[in-house]
PDB file of N, CA and C in Angstrom:
ATOM      1  N   MET A   1       0.853  -1.165   0.000  1.00  0.00           N
ATOM      2  CA  MET A   1       0.000   0.000   0.000  1.00  0.00           C
ATOM      3  C   MET A   1       0.905   1.236   0.000  1.00  0.00           C
ATOM      4  N   ASP A   2       0.473   2.243  -0.722  1.00  0.00           N
ATOM      5  CA  ASP A   2       1.218   3.492  -0.841  1.00  0.00           C
ATOM      6  C   ASP A   2       1.297   4.199   0.516  1.00  0.00           C
ATOM      7  N   PRO A   3       2.490   4.632   0.923  1.00  0.00           N
ATOM      8  CA  PRO A   3       2.621   5.310   2.224  1.00  0.00           C
ATOM      9  C   PRO A   3       1.767   6.582   2.329  1.00  0.00           C
ATOM     10  N   GLU A   4       1.622   7.291   1.240  1.00  0.00           N
ATOM     11  CA  GLU A   4       0.795   8.509   1.255  1.00  0.00           C
ATOM     12  C   GLU A   4      -0.667   8.158   1.527  1.00  0.00           C
ATOM     13  N   PHE A   5      -1.159   7.090   0.895  1.00  0.00           N
ATOM     14  CA  PHE A   5      -2.537   6.656   1.118  1.00  0.00           C
ATOM     15  C   PHE A   5      -2.740   6.226   2.561  1.00  0.00           C
ATOM     16  N   LEU A   6      -1.767   5.525   3.120  1.00  0.00           N
ATOM     17  CA  LEU A   6      -1.868   5.081   4.503  1.00  0.00           C
ATOM     18  C   LEU A   6      -1.921   6.275   5.449  1.00  0.00           C
ATOM     19  N   ARG A   7      -1.111   7.288   5.191  1.00  0.00           N
ATOM     20  CA  ARG A   7      -1.111   8.483   6.031  1.00  0.00           C
ATOM     21  C   ARG A   7      -2.458   9.197   5.962  1.00  0.00           C
ATOM     22  N   ILE A   8      -3.022   9.307   4.765  1.00  0.00           N
ATOM     23  CA  ILE A   8      -4.327   9.945   4.611  1.00  0.00           C
ATOM     24  C   ILE A   8      -5.405   9.103   5.288  1.00  0.00           C
ATOM     25  N   LEU A   9      -5.306   7.787   5.175  1.00  0.00           N
ATOM     26  CA  LEU A   9      -6.280   6.892   5.796  1.00  0.00           C
ATOM     27  C   LEU A   9      -6.268   7.035   7.309  1.00  0.00           C
ATOM     28  N   VAL A  10      -5.085   7.169   7.896  1.00  0.00           N
ATOM     29  CA  VAL A  10      -4.980   7.341   9.344  1.00  0.00           C
ATOM     30  C   VAL A  10      -5.593   8.672   9.760  1.00  0.00           C
ATOM     31  N   ARG A  11      -5.329   9.728   9.000  1.00  0.00           N
ATOM     32  CA  ARG A  11      -5.925  11.035   9.308  1.00  0.00           C
ATOM     33  C   ARG A  11      -7.448  10.973   9.252  1.00  0.00           C
ATOM     34  N   VAL A  12      -7.970  10.332   8.227  1.00  0.00           N
ATOM     35  CA  VAL A  12      -9.426  10.211   8.091  1.00  0.00           C
ATOM     36  C   VAL A  12     -10.000   9.404   9.254  1.00  0.00           C
ATOM     37  N   ALA A  13      -9.309   8.347   9.657  1.00  0.00           N
ATOM     38  CA  ALA A  13      -9.783   7.526  10.774  1.00  0.00           C
ATOM     39  C   ALA A  13      -9.792   8.320  12.075  1.00  0.00           C
ATOM     40  N   ILE A  14      -8.765   9.132  12.296  1.00  0.00           N
ATOM     41  CA  ILE A  14      -8.701   9.940  13.513  1.00  0.00           C
ATOM     42  C   ILE A  14      -9.811  10.981  13.522  1.00  0.00           C
ATOM     43  N   ILE A  15      -9.981  11.682  12.412  1.00  0.00           N
ATOM     44  CA  ILE A  15     -11.019  12.711  12.332  1.00  0.00           C
ATOM     45  C   ILE A  15     -12.406  12.071  12.429  1.00  0.00           C
ATOM     46  N   GLY A  16     -12.600  10.959  11.733  1.00  0.00           N
ATOM     47  CA  GLY A  16     -13.881  10.266  11.792  1.00  0.00           C
ATOM     48  C   GLY A  16     -14.190   9.738  13.183  1.00  0.00           C
ATOM     49  N   GLY A  17     -13.186   9.233  13.864  1.00  0.00           N
ATOM     50  CA  GLY A  17     -13.372   8.763  15.232  1.00  0.00           C
ATOM     51  C   GLY A  17     -13.757   9.887  16.177  1.00  0.00           C
ATOM     52  N   THR A  18     -13.114  11.033  16.002  1.00  0.00           N
ATOM     53  CA  THR A  18     -13.450  12.197  16.821  1.00  0.00           C
ATOM     54  C   THR A  18     -14.885  12.632  16.573  1.00  0.00           C
ATOM     55  N   ILE A  19     -15.275  12.691  15.313  1.00  0.00           N
ATOM     56  CA  ILE A  19     -16.657  13.061  14.981  1.00  0.00           C
ATOM     57  C   ILE A  19     -17.629  12.039  15.545  1.00  0.00           C
ATOM     58  N   GLY A  20     -17.281  10.765  15.463  1.00  0.00           N
ATOM     59  CA  GLY A  20     -18.148   9.720  16.000  1.00  0.00           C
ATOM     60  C   GLY A  20     -18.320   9.820  17.504  1.00  0.00           C
ATOM     61  N   ILE A  21     -17.253  10.122  18.214  1.00  0.00           N
ATOM     62  CA  ILE A  21     -17.342  10.257  19.667  1.00  0.00           C
ATOM     63  C   ILE A  21     -18.191  11.460  20.044  1.00  0.00           C
ATOM     64  N   ILE A  22     -17.972  12.584  19.362  1.00  0.00           N
ATOM     65  CA  ILE A  22     -18.771  13.776  19.643  1.00  0.00           C
ATOM     66  C   ILE A  22     -20.249  13.501  19.344  1.00  0.00           C
ATOM     67  N   GLY A  23     -20.522  12.834  18.238  1.00  0.00           N
ATOM     68  CA  GLY A  23     -21.900  12.493  17.889  1.00  0.00           C
ATOM     69  C   GLY A  23     -22.528  11.541  18.891  1.00  0.00           C
ATOM     70  N   ALA A  24     -21.747  10.576  19.360  1.00  0.00           N
ATOM     71  CA  ALA A  24     -22.276   9.620  20.339  1.00  0.00           C
ATOM     72  C   ALA A  24     -22.628  10.314  21.645  1.00  0.00           C
ATOM     73  N   VAL A  25     -21.782  11.231  22.069  1.00  0.00           N
ATOM     74  CA  VAL A  25     -22.073  11.980  23.294  1.00  0.00           C
ATOM     75  C   VAL A  25     -23.336  12.817  23.112  1.00  0.00           C
ATOM     76  N   ALA A  26     -23.471  13.440  21.954  1.00  0.00           N
ATOM     77  CA  ALA A  26     -24.663  14.250  21.686  1.00  0.00           C
ATOM     78  C   ALA A  26     -25.920  13.383  21.667  1.00  0.00           C
ATOM     79  N   VAL A  27     -25.853  12.227  21.025  1.00  0.00           N
ATOM     80  CA  VAL A  27     -27.006  11.328  20.984  1.00  0.00           C
ATOM     81  C   VAL A  27     -27.329  10.805  22.382  1.00  0.00           C
ATOM     82  N   TYR A  28     -26.303  10.502  23.148  1.00  0.00           N
ATOM     83  CA  TYR A  28     -26.525  10.004  24.504  1.00  0.00           C
ATOM     84  C   TYR A  28     -27.287  11.030  25.340  1.00  0.00           C
ATOM     85  N   PHE A  29     -26.830  12.281  25.323  1.00  0.00           N
ATOM     86  CA  PHE A  29     -27.515  13.297  26.114  1.00  0.00           C
ATOM     87  C   PHE A  29     -28.903  13.616  25.563  1.00  0.00           C
ATOM     88  N   ALA A  30     -29.065  13.513  24.255  1.00  0.00           N
ATOM     89  CA  ALA A  30     -30.393  13.747  23.675  1.00  0.00           C
ATOM     90  C   ALA A  30     -31.367  12.655  24.107  1.00  0.00           C
ATOM     91  N   LEU A  31     -30.939  11.419  24.063  1.00  0.00           N
ATOM     92  CA  LEU A  31     -31.810  10.318  24.474  1.00  0.00           C
ATOM     93  C   LEU A  31     -32.016  10.304  25.983  1.00  0.00           C
ATOM     94  N   ARG A  32     -31.019  10.733  26.715  1.00  0.00           N
ATOM     95  CA  ARG A  32     -31.115  10.768  28.171  1.00  0.00           C
ATOM     96  C   ARG A  32     -32.138  11.811  28.627  1.00  0.00           C
ATOM     97  N   SER A  33     -32.295  12.852  27.836  1.00  0.00           N
ATOM     98  CA  SER A  33     -33.217  13.914  28.232  1.00  0.00           C
ATOM     99  C   SER A  33     -34.680  13.445  28.191  1.00  0.00           C
ATOM    100  N   PHE A  34     -34.950  12.372  27.470  1.00  0.00           N
ATOM    101  CA  PHE A  34     -36.318  11.861  27.420  1.00  0.00           C
ATOM    102  C   PHE A  34     -36.688  11.071  28.673  1.00  0.00           C
ATOM    103  N   ARG A  35     -35.709  10.688  29.451  1.00  0.00           N
ATOM    104  CA  ARG A  35     -35.911   9.947  30.707  1.00  0.00           C
ATOM    105  C   ARG A  35     -36.664   8.636  30.508  1.00  0.00           C
ATOM    106  N   THR A  36     -36.453   8.014  29.338  1.00  0.00           N
ATOM    107  CA  THR A  36     -37.092   6.711  29.102  1.00  0.00           C
ATOM    108  C   THR A  36     -36.240   5.582  29.653  1.00  0.00           C
ATOM    109  N   GLY A  37     -35.109   5.925  30.154  1.00  0.00           N
ATOM    110  CA  GLY A  37     -34.212   4.912  30.699  1.00  0.00           C
ATOM    111  C   GLY A  37     -32.823   5.125  30.151  1.00  0.00           C
ATOM    112  N   GLU A  38     -31.891   5.374  31.043  1.00  0.00           N
ATOM    113  CA  GLU A  38     -30.520   5.644  30.602  1.00  0.00           C
ATOM    114  C   GLU A  38     -29.879   4.403  30.006  1.00  0.00           C
ATOM    115  N   PHE A  39     -30.297   3.244  30.453  1.00  0.00           N
ATOM    116  CA  PHE A  39     -29.728   2.004  29.915  1.00  0.00           C
ATOM    117  C   PHE A  39     -30.029   1.887  28.424  1.00  0.00           C
ATOM    118  N   ARG A  40     -31.254   2.222  28.032  1.00  0.00           N
ATOM    119  CA  ARG A  40     -31.641   2.123  26.625  1.00  0.00           C
ATOM    120  C   ARG A  40     -30.825   3.091  25.775  1.00  0.00           C
ATOM    121  N   ALA A  41     -30.615   4.308  26.266  1.00  0.00           N
ATOM    122  CA  ALA A  41     -29.824   5.292  25.525  1.00  0.00           C
ATOM    123  C   ALA A  41     -28.395   4.791  25.352  1.00  0.00           C
ATOM    124  N   GLY A  42     -27.846   4.223  26.403  1.00  0.00           N
ATOM    125  CA  GLY A  42     -26.487   3.690  26.311  1.00  0.00           C
ATOM    126  C   GLY A  42     -26.381   2.551  25.319  1.00  0.00           C
ATOM    127  N   VAL A  43     -27.368   1.692  25.302  1.00  0.00           N
ATOM    128  CA  VAL A  43     -27.364   0.559  24.369  1.00  0.00           C
ATOM    129  C   VAL A  43     -27.460   1.053  22.930  1.00  0.00           C
ATOM    130  N   ILE A  44     -28.301   2.044  22.704  1.00  0.00           N
ATOM    131  CA  ILE A  44     -28.439   2.590  21.348  1.00  0.00           C
ATOM    132  C   ILE A  44     -27.132   3.216  20.886  1.00  0.00           C
ATOM    133  N   VAL A  45     -26.484   3.978  21.752  1.00  0.00           N
ATOM    134  CA  VAL A  45     -25.216   4.609  21.399  1.00  0.00           C
ATOM    135  C   VAL A  45     -24.156   3.557  21.111  1.00  0.00           C
ATOM    136  N   VAL A  46     -24.069   2.553  21.957  1.00  0.00           N
ATOM    137  CA  VAL A  46     -23.078   1.490  21.742  1.00  0.00           C
ATOM    138  C   VAL A  46     -23.361   0.742  20.443  1.00  0.00           C
ATOM    139  N   ALA A  47     -24.618   0.481  20.158  1.00  0.00           N
ATOM    140  CA  ALA A  47     -24.981  -0.219  18.921  1.00  0.00           C
ATOM    141  C   ALA A  47     -24.620   0.615  17.694  1.00  0.00           C
ATOM    142  N   LEU A  48     -24.886   1.922  17.747  1.00  0.00           N
ATOM    143  CA  LEU A  48     -24.530   2.791  16.620  1.00  0.00           C
ATOM    144  C   LEU A  48     -23.019   2.840  16.414  1.00  0.00           C
ATOM    145  N   LEU A  49     -22.280   2.980  17.494  1.00  0.00           N
ATOM    146  CA  LEU A  49     -20.820   3.016  17.378  1.00  0.00           C
ATOM    147  C   LEU A  49     -20.264   1.687  16.876  1.00  0.00           C
ATOM    148  N   ALA A  50     -20.823   0.594  17.338  1.00  0.00           N
ATOM    149  CA  ALA A  50     -20.360  -0.713  16.874  1.00  0.00           C
ATOM    150  C   ALA A  50     -20.628  -0.892  15.384  1.00  0.00           C
ATOM    151  N   PHE A  51     -21.791  -0.453  14.930  1.00  0.00           N
ATOM    152  CA  PHE A  51     -22.117  -0.547  13.515  1.00  0.00           C
ATOM    153  C   PHE A  51     -21.145   0.273  12.671  1.00  0.00           C
ATOM    154  N   VAL A  52     -20.868   1.494  13.092  1.00  0.00           N
ATOM    155  CA  VAL A  52     -19.940   2.351  12.349  1.00  0.00           C
ATOM    156  C   VAL A  52     -18.539   1.751  12.362  1.00  0.00           C
ATOM    157  N   LEU A  53     -18.107   1.227  13.507  1.00  0.00           N
ATOM    158  CA  LEU A  53     -16.780   0.628  13.595  1.00  0.00           C
ATOM    159  C   LEU A  53     -16.660  -0.588  12.687  1.00  0.00           C
ATOM    160  N   VAL A  54     -17.684  -1.431  12.654  1.00  0.00           N
ATOM    161  CA  VAL A  54     -17.655  -2.605  11.776  1.00  0.00           C
ATOM    162  C   VAL A  54     -17.588  -2.170  10.312  1.00  0.00           C
ATOM    163  N   CYS A  55     -18.344  -1.143   9.951  1.00  0.00           N
ATOM    164  CA  CYS A  55     -18.290  -0.638   8.573  1.00  0.00           C
ATOM    165  C   CYS A  55     -16.906  -0.119   8.234  1.00  0.00           C
ATOM    166  N   CYS A  56     -16.277   0.588   9.163  1.00  0.00           N
ATOM    167  CA  CYS A  56     -14.926   1.104   8.932  1.00  0.00           C
ATOM    168  C   CYS A  56     -13.922  -0.036   8.761  1.00  0.00           C
ATOM    169  N   ILE A  57     -14.058  -1.077   9.561  1.00  0.00           N
ATOM    170  CA  ILE A  57     -13.143  -2.212   9.455  1.00  0.00           C
ATOM    171  C   ILE A  57     -13.328  -2.925   8.119  1.00  0.00           C
ATOM    172  N   ILE A  58     -14.563  -3.072   7.686  1.00  0.00           N
ATOM    173  CA  ILE A  58     -14.828  -3.707   6.388  1.00  0.00           C
ATOM    174  C   ILE A  58     -14.227  -2.875   5.261  1.00  0.00           C
ATOM    175  N   LEU A  59     -14.405  -1.561   5.325  1.00  0.00           N
ATOM    176  CA  LEU A  59     -13.818  -0.697   4.295  1.00  0.00           C
ATOM    177  C   LEU A  59     -12.296  -0.736   4.331  1.00  0.00           C
ATOM    178  N   LEU A  60     -11.719  -0.831   5.520  1.00  0.00           N
ATOM    179  CA  LEU A  60     -10.267  -0.929   5.634  1.00  0.00           C
ATOM    180  C   LEU A  60      -9.766  -2.226   5.010  1.00  0.00           C
ATOM    181  N   LYS A  61     -10.484  -3.316   5.236  1.00  0.00           N
ATOM    182  CA  LYS A  61     -10.093  -4.595   4.620  1.00  0.00           C
ATOM    183  C   LYS A  61     -10.146  -4.517   3.107  1.00  0.00           C
ATOM    184  N   PHE A  62     -11.160  -3.853   2.557  1.00  0.00           N
ATOM    185  CA  PHE A  62     -11.261  -3.720   1.117  1.00  0.00           C
ATOM    186  C   PHE A  62     -10.193  -2.797   0.537  1.00  0.00           C
ATOM    187  N   SER A  63      -9.627  -1.914   1.370  1.00  0.00           N
ATOM    188  CA  SER A  63      -8.645  -0.958   0.862  1.00  0.00           C
ATOM    189  C   SER A  63      -7.282  -1.599   0.646  1.00  0.00           C
ATOM    190  N   PHE A  64      -7.001  -2.729   1.279  1.00  0.00           N
ATOM    191  CA  PHE A  64      -5.728  -3.389   1.085  1.00  0.00           C
ATOM    192  C   PHE A  64      -5.745  -4.171  -0.231  1.00  0.00           C
ATOM    193  N   VAL A  65      -4.768  -3.890  -1.065  1.00  0.00           N
ATOM    194  CA  VAL A  65      -4.664  -4.583  -2.351  1.00  0.00           C
ATOM    195  C   VAL A  65      -3.788  -5.816  -2.155  1.00  0.00           C
ATOM    196  N   ARG A  66      -4.269  -6.924  -2.650  1.00  0.00           N
ATOM    197  CA  ARG A  66      -3.497  -8.157  -2.515  1.00  0.00           C
ATOM    198  C   ARG A  66      -2.720  -8.437  -3.759  1.00  0.00           C
TER     199      ARG A  66
END
C-alpha cells in the first residue's frame, strides 16, 4: 500500500473517530433527556458506534490490495 494513502487513511480515521465520539455523546444526552431509561440510551449509542466501527473495518479490509 502506498505510504501517502496510509497516512491519509490514518488522518481520516482519527477525524472520523473524533466526529463519531462527539456524535455519540450528543445522541446520549439527547436520548437521556427523554428519561425513558438511561440504559436504553447507552445501548443505542453502543450499537450505533459498533455498527460504524464494523463498517470502517470492512472498508479498511477492502482498501488493502493483494
